[in-house]
Amino acid sequence: MTILHAAAHAALQVFPEGVDLAFIVGVILVGPVAAVGLLRFHSRVAAALAAVSMGLSFVYGVYNHFLVAGPDRVSIVSSEAWTTVFVISGAALGGLEISTAVVAVFVFWSSARTPSGPAEPPA
């Protein structure tokens, strides 16, 4: 979905710059990939990273696509064939981001309550 949304950005010539580009690369792209990489060995850290990066991605997307006036706002994007792809992929990303953040929070809390280490033998 991210690749499709990025393709729509490129086709509509809406390119992020500066802080926006750094946020997109660091939080939206690298954060989830790093979380997946950590999942097998550090599930609690991976869940925390996924929850934070997906939560921030959701807030960033809602803010830039729906609230603030700018080239990224879905209601101002030029009316072309890619506009529909841009709007639908933006909304789908938002749904995936918030869903992933919620699941990651549940995984984090459940791993926090699960004791680690060997079980004590019965007395």
N, C-alpha and C. Protein backbone atom coordinates (compact mmCIF):
# COMPACT_ATOMS: atom_id res chain seq x y z
N MET A 1 0.82 -1.18 0.00
CA MET A 1 0.00 0.00 0.00
C MET A 1 0.87 1.25 0.00
N THR A 2 1.97 1.18 0.74
CA THR A 2 2.88 2.33 0.79
C THR A 2 3.48 2.61 -0.58
N ILE A 3 3.84 1.55 -1.29
CA ILE A 3 4.42 1.72 -2.62
C ILE A 3 3.39 2.32 -3.58
N LEU A 4 2.16 1.85 -3.51
CA LEU A 4 1.10 2.40 -4.35
C LEU A 4 0.86 3.87 -4.04
N HIS A 5 0.84 4.22 -2.76
CA HIS A 5 0.62 5.62 -2.37
C HIS A 5 1.80 6.49 -2.82
N ALA A 6 3.01 5.97 -2.70
CA ALA A 6 4.19 6.71 -3.17
C ALA A 6 4.15 6.90 -4.68
N ALA A 7 3.67 5.89 -5.40
CA ALA A 7 3.54 6.01 -6.86
C ALA A 7 2.52 7.09 -7.22
N ALA A 8 1.44 7.16 -6.46
CA ALA A 8 0.43 8.21 -6.70
C ALA A 8 1.03 9.58 -6.41
N HIS A 9 1.82 9.68 -5.34
CA HIS A 9 2.51 10.94 -5.05
C HIS A 9 3.37 11.36 -6.24
N ALA A 10 4.15 10.42 -6.75
CA ALA A 10 5.05 10.72 -7.86
C ALA A 10 4.27 11.11 -9.12
N ALA A 11 3.21 10.36 -9.43
CA ALA A 11 2.42 10.66 -10.62
C ALA A 11 1.75 12.03 -10.54
N LEU A 12 1.36 12.42 -9.34
CA LEU A 12 0.71 13.72 -9.14
C LEU A 12 1.73 14.83 -8.84
N GLN A 13 2.99 14.47 -8.84
CA GLN A 13 4.10 15.39 -8.58
C GLN A 13 3.95 16.10 -7.23
N VAL A 14 3.60 15.31 -6.22
CA VAL A 14 3.53 15.80 -4.84
C VAL A 14 4.68 15.13 -4.10
N PHE A 15 5.81 15.84 -4.00
CA PHE A 15 7.02 15.26 -3.43
C PHE A 15 7.31 15.85 -2.06
N PRO A 16 7.54 15.01 -1.06
CA PRO A 16 7.90 15.52 0.27
C PRO A 16 9.33 16.04 0.25
N GLU A 17 9.59 17.02 1.11
CA GLU A 17 10.92 17.59 1.20
C GLU A 17 11.29 17.80 2.67
N GLY A 18 12.55 17.97 2.93
CA GLY A 18 13.04 18.36 4.25
C GLY A 18 12.60 17.45 5.37
N VAL A 19 11.98 18.05 6.38
CA VAL A 19 11.55 17.33 7.58
C VAL A 19 10.51 16.27 7.22
N ASP A 20 9.62 16.59 6.29
CA ASP A 20 8.61 15.61 5.88
C ASP A 20 9.27 14.37 5.29
N LEU A 21 10.24 14.55 4.43
CA LEU A 21 10.94 13.42 3.82
C LEU A 21 11.68 12.60 4.88
N ALA A 22 12.34 13.29 5.81
CA ALA A 22 13.05 12.59 6.88
C ALA A 22 12.08 11.78 7.74
N PHE A 23 10.92 12.36 8.06
CA PHE A 23 9.92 11.65 8.85
C PHE A 23 9.41 10.43 8.10
N ILE A 24 9.10 10.60 6.82
CA ILE A 24 8.57 9.50 6.02
C ILE A 24 9.57 8.35 5.94
N VAL A 25 10.82 8.68 5.67
CA VAL A 25 11.83 7.63 5.55
C VAL A 25 12.09 6.97 6.92
N GLY A 26 12.28 7.78 7.95
CA GLY A 26 12.64 7.24 9.25
C GLY A 26 11.53 6.53 9.99
N VAL A 27 10.35 7.15 10.02
CA VAL A 27 9.25 6.62 10.83
C VAL A 27 8.33 5.70 10.03
N ILE A 28 7.94 6.13 8.84
CA ILE A 28 6.96 5.38 8.07
C ILE A 28 7.58 4.19 7.34
N LEU A 29 8.80 4.33 6.86
CA LEU A 29 9.43 3.24 6.11
C LEU A 29 10.36 2.38 6.97
N VAL A 30 11.30 2.99 7.67
CA VAL A 30 12.30 2.23 8.42
C VAL A 30 11.72 1.66 9.72
N GLY A 31 10.90 2.41 10.41
CA GLY A 31 10.34 1.96 11.69
C GLY A 31 9.66 0.61 11.63
N PRO A 32 8.68 0.42 10.74
CA PRO A 32 8.01 -0.89 10.67
C PRO A 32 8.94 -2.03 10.23
N VAL A 33 9.85 -1.74 9.32
CA VAL A 33 10.79 -2.78 8.88
C VAL A 33 11.70 -3.19 10.03
N ALA A 34 12.16 -2.22 10.80
CA ALA A 34 12.99 -2.52 11.97
C ALA A 34 12.19 -3.32 13.00
N ALA A 35 10.93 -2.99 13.18
CA ALA A 35 10.08 -3.73 14.12
C ALA A 35 9.95 -5.19 13.71
N VAL A 36 9.76 -5.43 12.43
CA VAL A 36 9.65 -6.81 11.94
C VAL A 36 10.97 -7.54 12.18
N GLY A 37 12.08 -6.85 11.94
CA GLY A 37 13.40 -7.47 12.17
C GLY A 37 13.63 -7.84 13.63
N LEU A 38 13.09 -7.06 14.54
CA LEU A 38 13.26 -7.32 15.97
C LEU A 38 12.27 -8.33 16.53
N LEU A 39 11.22 -8.60 15.80
CA LEU A 39 10.09 -9.38 16.31
C LEU A 39 10.48 -10.74 16.89
N ARG A 40 11.35 -11.45 16.22
CA ARG A 40 11.69 -12.81 16.66
C ARG A 40 12.47 -12.84 17.97
N PHE A 41 13.35 -11.87 18.15
CA PHE A 41 14.25 -11.91 19.30
C PHE A 41 13.86 -10.96 20.43
N HIS A 42 13.17 -9.90 20.10
CA HIS A 42 12.79 -8.90 21.10
C HIS A 42 11.35 -8.46 20.82
N SER A 43 10.41 -9.35 21.08
CA SER A 43 9.01 -9.07 20.69
C SER A 43 8.44 -7.84 21.39
N ARG A 44 8.81 -7.61 22.62
CA ARG A 44 8.27 -6.45 23.33
C ARG A 44 8.81 -5.14 22.72
N VAL A 45 10.09 -5.09 22.42
CA VAL A 45 10.68 -3.91 21.79
C VAL A 45 10.09 -3.72 20.39
N ALA A 46 9.93 -4.83 19.66
CA ALA A 46 9.35 -4.76 18.32
C ALA A 46 7.92 -4.22 18.38
N ALA A 47 7.15 -4.71 19.34
CA ALA A 47 5.76 -4.24 19.47
C ALA A 47 5.72 -2.77 19.83
N ALA A 48 6.61 -2.33 20.72
CA ALA A 48 6.65 -0.91 21.09
C ALA A 48 7.04 -0.06 19.89
N LEU A 49 8.04 -0.48 19.14
CA LEU A 49 8.47 0.26 17.95
C LEU A 49 7.36 0.31 16.91
N ALA A 50 6.68 -0.81 16.69
CA ALA A 50 5.58 -0.84 15.72
C ALA A 50 4.44 0.06 16.17
N ALA A 51 4.09 0.02 17.44
CA ALA A 51 3.01 0.86 17.95
C ALA A 51 3.33 2.34 17.78
N VAL A 52 4.54 2.72 18.14
CA VAL A 52 4.93 4.13 18.04
C VAL A 52 5.02 4.57 16.59
N SER A 53 5.70 3.79 15.75
CA SER A 53 5.87 4.21 14.36
C SER A 53 4.54 4.23 13.61
N MET A 54 3.68 3.25 13.85
CA MET A 54 2.39 3.23 13.16
C MET A 54 1.44 4.30 13.70
N GLY A 55 1.48 4.54 15.00
CA GLY A 55 0.67 5.62 15.57
C GLY A 55 1.09 6.97 15.03
N LEU A 56 2.40 7.22 14.99
CA LEU A 56 2.89 8.48 14.43
C LEU A 56 2.60 8.59 12.94
N SER A 57 2.71 7.49 12.23
CA SER A 57 2.39 7.49 10.79
C SER A 57 0.94 7.85 10.56
N PHE A 58 0.05 7.29 11.38
CA PHE A 58 -1.38 7.59 11.26
C PHE A 58 -1.65 9.07 11.51
N VAL A 59 -1.09 9.62 12.58
CA VAL A 59 -1.29 11.04 12.89
C VAL A 59 -0.73 11.91 11.77
N TYR A 60 0.45 11.58 11.29
CA TYR A 60 1.07 12.35 10.20
C TYR A 60 0.19 12.32 8.95
N GLY A 61 -0.30 11.14 8.60
CA GLY A 61 -1.12 11.01 7.40
C GLY A 61 -2.44 11.75 7.51
N VAL A 62 -3.11 11.63 8.64
CA VAL A 62 -4.38 12.34 8.83
C VAL A 62 -4.14 13.84 8.76
N TYR A 63 -3.11 14.30 9.45
CA TYR A 63 -2.80 15.73 9.46
C TYR A 63 -2.50 16.26 8.06
N ASN A 64 -1.61 15.59 7.34
CA ASN A 64 -1.19 16.10 6.04
C ASN A 64 -2.19 15.85 4.92
N HIS A 65 -2.94 14.75 5.00
CA HIS A 65 -3.86 14.44 3.91
C HIS A 65 -5.26 15.03 4.11
N PHE A 66 -5.64 15.30 5.35
CA PHE A 66 -7.02 15.72 5.58
C PHE A 66 -7.19 17.03 6.35
N LEU A 67 -6.21 17.47 7.13
CA LEU A 67 -6.41 18.63 7.98
C LEU A 67 -5.74 19.91 7.49
N VAL A 68 -4.46 19.84 7.18
CA VAL A 68 -3.71 21.04 6.83
C VAL A 68 -3.81 21.30 5.32
N ALA A 69 -3.93 22.57 4.97
CA ALA A 69 -3.95 22.94 3.56
C ALA A 69 -2.52 22.83 3.02
N GLY A 70 -2.35 22.11 1.95
CA GLY A 70 -1.04 21.93 1.35
C GLY A 70 -1.14 21.02 0.16
N PRO A 71 -0.03 20.79 -0.52
CA PRO A 71 -0.07 19.98 -1.75
C PRO A 71 -0.46 18.53 -1.51
N ASP A 72 -0.37 18.09 -0.26
CA ASP A 72 -0.64 16.70 0.10
C ASP A 72 -2.10 16.47 0.49
N ARG A 73 -2.87 17.52 0.63
CA ARG A 73 -4.26 17.39 1.08
C ARG A 73 -5.11 16.76 -0.02
N VAL A 74 -5.89 15.74 0.34
CA VAL A 74 -6.63 14.99 -0.67
C VAL A 74 -7.67 15.83 -1.39
N SER A 75 -8.21 16.86 -0.76
CA SER A 75 -9.22 17.67 -1.42
C SER A 75 -8.64 18.71 -2.38
N ILE A 76 -7.31 18.91 -2.34
CA ILE A 76 -6.70 19.90 -3.23
C ILE A 76 -5.90 19.26 -4.36
N VAL A 77 -5.61 17.98 -4.24
CA VAL A 77 -4.81 17.30 -5.25
C VAL A 77 -5.52 17.39 -6.60
N SER A 78 -4.74 17.65 -7.65
CA SER A 78 -5.32 17.80 -8.98
C SER A 78 -6.19 16.61 -9.36
N SER A 79 -7.16 16.88 -10.18
CA SER A 79 -8.10 15.84 -10.59
C SER A 79 -7.55 15.11 -11.82
N GLU A 80 -6.93 13.99 -11.56
CA GLU A 80 -6.36 13.15 -12.61
C GLU A 80 -6.70 11.70 -12.29
N ALA A 81 -6.29 10.81 -13.15
CA ALA A 81 -6.54 9.39 -12.92
C ALA A 81 -5.89 8.92 -11.62
N TRP A 82 -4.73 9.46 -11.28
CA TRP A 82 -4.02 9.05 -10.08
C TRP A 82 -4.63 9.63 -8.80
N THR A 83 -5.51 10.61 -8.94
CA THR A 83 -6.13 11.20 -7.76
C THR A 83 -6.91 10.17 -6.97
N THR A 84 -7.66 9.33 -7.66
CA THR A 84 -8.43 8.28 -6.99
C THR A 84 -7.50 7.32 -6.26
N VAL A 85 -6.41 6.94 -6.91
CA VAL A 85 -5.43 6.04 -6.29
C VAL A 85 -4.83 6.72 -5.06
N PHE A 86 -4.53 8.00 -5.17
CA PHE A 86 -3.96 8.77 -4.06
C PHE A 86 -4.89 8.79 -2.86
N VAL A 87 -6.15 9.09 -3.09
CA VAL A 87 -7.13 9.19 -2.00
C VAL A 87 -7.39 7.82 -1.38
N ILE A 88 -7.64 6.82 -2.20
CA ILE A 88 -7.95 5.49 -1.67
C ILE A 88 -6.75 4.89 -0.95
N SER A 89 -5.57 5.02 -1.53
CA SER A 89 -4.38 4.45 -0.88
C SER A 89 -4.06 5.21 0.41
N GLY A 90 -4.30 6.51 0.45
CA GLY A 90 -4.10 7.28 1.68
C GLY A 90 -5.03 6.83 2.78
N ALA A 91 -6.30 6.63 2.44
CA ALA A 91 -7.28 6.16 3.42
C ALA A 91 -6.96 4.73 3.87
N ALA A 92 -6.58 3.88 2.93
CA ALA A 92 -6.23 2.49 3.26
C ALA A 92 -5.00 2.44 4.16
N LEU A 93 -4.01 3.28 3.87
CA LEU A 93 -2.83 3.34 4.74
C LEU A 93 -3.22 3.75 6.15
N GLY A 94 -4.09 4.73 6.26
CA GLY A 94 -4.55 5.16 7.58
C GLY A 94 -5.20 4.01 8.34
N GLY A 95 -6.03 3.25 7.67
CA GLY A 95 -6.67 2.10 8.30
C GLY A 95 -5.66 1.05 8.72
N LEU A 96 -4.70 0.78 7.86
CA LEU A 96 -3.66 -0.21 8.20
C LEU A 96 -2.78 0.28 9.35
N GLU A 97 -2.45 1.56 9.33
CA GLU A 97 -1.59 2.11 10.37
C GLU A 97 -2.25 2.04 11.75
N ILE A 98 -3.50 2.48 11.83
CA ILE A 98 -4.15 2.47 13.14
C ILE A 98 -4.42 1.04 13.60
N SER A 99 -4.77 0.16 12.67
CA SER A 99 -4.98 -1.25 13.03
C SER A 99 -3.69 -1.87 13.55
N THR A 100 -2.60 -1.63 12.87
CA THR A 100 -1.31 -2.17 13.29
C THR A 100 -0.89 -1.61 14.63
N ALA A 101 -1.11 -0.32 14.84
CA ALA A 101 -0.76 0.30 16.12
C ALA A 101 -1.54 -0.33 17.26
N VAL A 102 -2.83 -0.56 17.06
CA VAL A 102 -3.67 -1.16 18.10
C VAL A 102 -3.21 -2.59 18.41
N VAL A 103 -2.97 -3.38 17.38
CA VAL A 103 -2.49 -4.75 17.59
C VAL A 103 -1.14 -4.74 18.30
N ALA A 104 -0.26 -3.84 17.90
CA ALA A 104 1.07 -3.77 18.52
C ALA A 104 0.97 -3.39 20.00
N VAL A 105 0.04 -2.51 20.35
CA VAL A 105 -0.16 -2.16 21.76
C VAL A 105 -0.61 -3.39 22.54
N PHE A 106 -1.55 -4.15 21.99
CA PHE A 106 -2.00 -5.38 22.67
C PHE A 106 -0.86 -6.38 22.82
N VAL A 107 -0.04 -6.54 21.79
CA VAL A 107 1.10 -7.46 21.88
C VAL A 107 2.08 -6.98 22.95
N PHE A 108 2.33 -5.67 22.97
CA PHE A 108 3.24 -5.11 23.97
C PHE A 108 2.72 -5.38 25.38
N TRP A 109 1.46 -5.07 25.63
CA TRP A 109 0.90 -5.26 26.97
C TRP A 109 0.83 -6.73 27.36
N SER A 110 0.50 -7.58 26.41
CA SER A 110 0.44 -9.01 26.75
C SER A 110 1.83 -9.56 27.03
N SER A 111 2.84 -9.10 26.33
CA SER A 111 4.20 -9.57 26.60
C SER A 111 4.72 -8.99 27.91
N ALA A 112 4.22 -7.83 28.30
CA ALA A 112 4.64 -7.23 29.57
C ALA A 112 4.08 -8.01 30.74
N ARG A 113 2.93 -8.63 30.55
CA ARG A 113 2.29 -9.40 31.63
C ARG A 113 2.75 -10.85 31.66
N THR A 114 3.38 -11.32 30.58
CA THR A 114 3.84 -12.70 30.51
C THR A 114 5.22 -12.78 31.13
N PRO A 115 5.39 -13.57 32.18
CA PRO A 115 6.72 -13.67 32.79
C PRO A 115 7.71 -14.33 31.83
N SER A 116 8.91 -13.83 31.85
CA SER A 116 9.94 -14.45 31.02
C SER A 116 10.82 -15.33 31.89
N GLY A 117 11.48 -16.27 31.30
CA GLY A 117 12.37 -17.16 32.03
C GLY A 117 11.68 -18.49 32.30
N PRO A 118 12.44 -19.40 32.84
CA PRO A 118 11.89 -20.73 33.07
C PRO A 118 10.84 -20.71 34.19
N ALA A 119 9.91 -21.61 34.07
CA ALA A 119 8.87 -21.74 35.09
C ALA A 119 9.44 -22.40 36.33
N GLU A 120 8.97 -21.98 37.46
CA GLU A 120 9.40 -22.57 38.72
C GLU A 120 8.81 -23.96 38.86
N PRO A 121 9.59 -24.93 39.35
CA PRO A 121 9.04 -26.28 39.53
C PRO A 121 8.02 -26.25 40.68
N PRO A 122 6.99 -27.08 40.58
CA PRO A 122 6.00 -27.11 41.66
C PRO A 122 6.62 -27.54 42.98
N ALA A 123 6.15 -26.97 44.05
CA ALA A 123 6.70 -27.27 45.37
C ALA A 123 6.19 -28.55 45.94
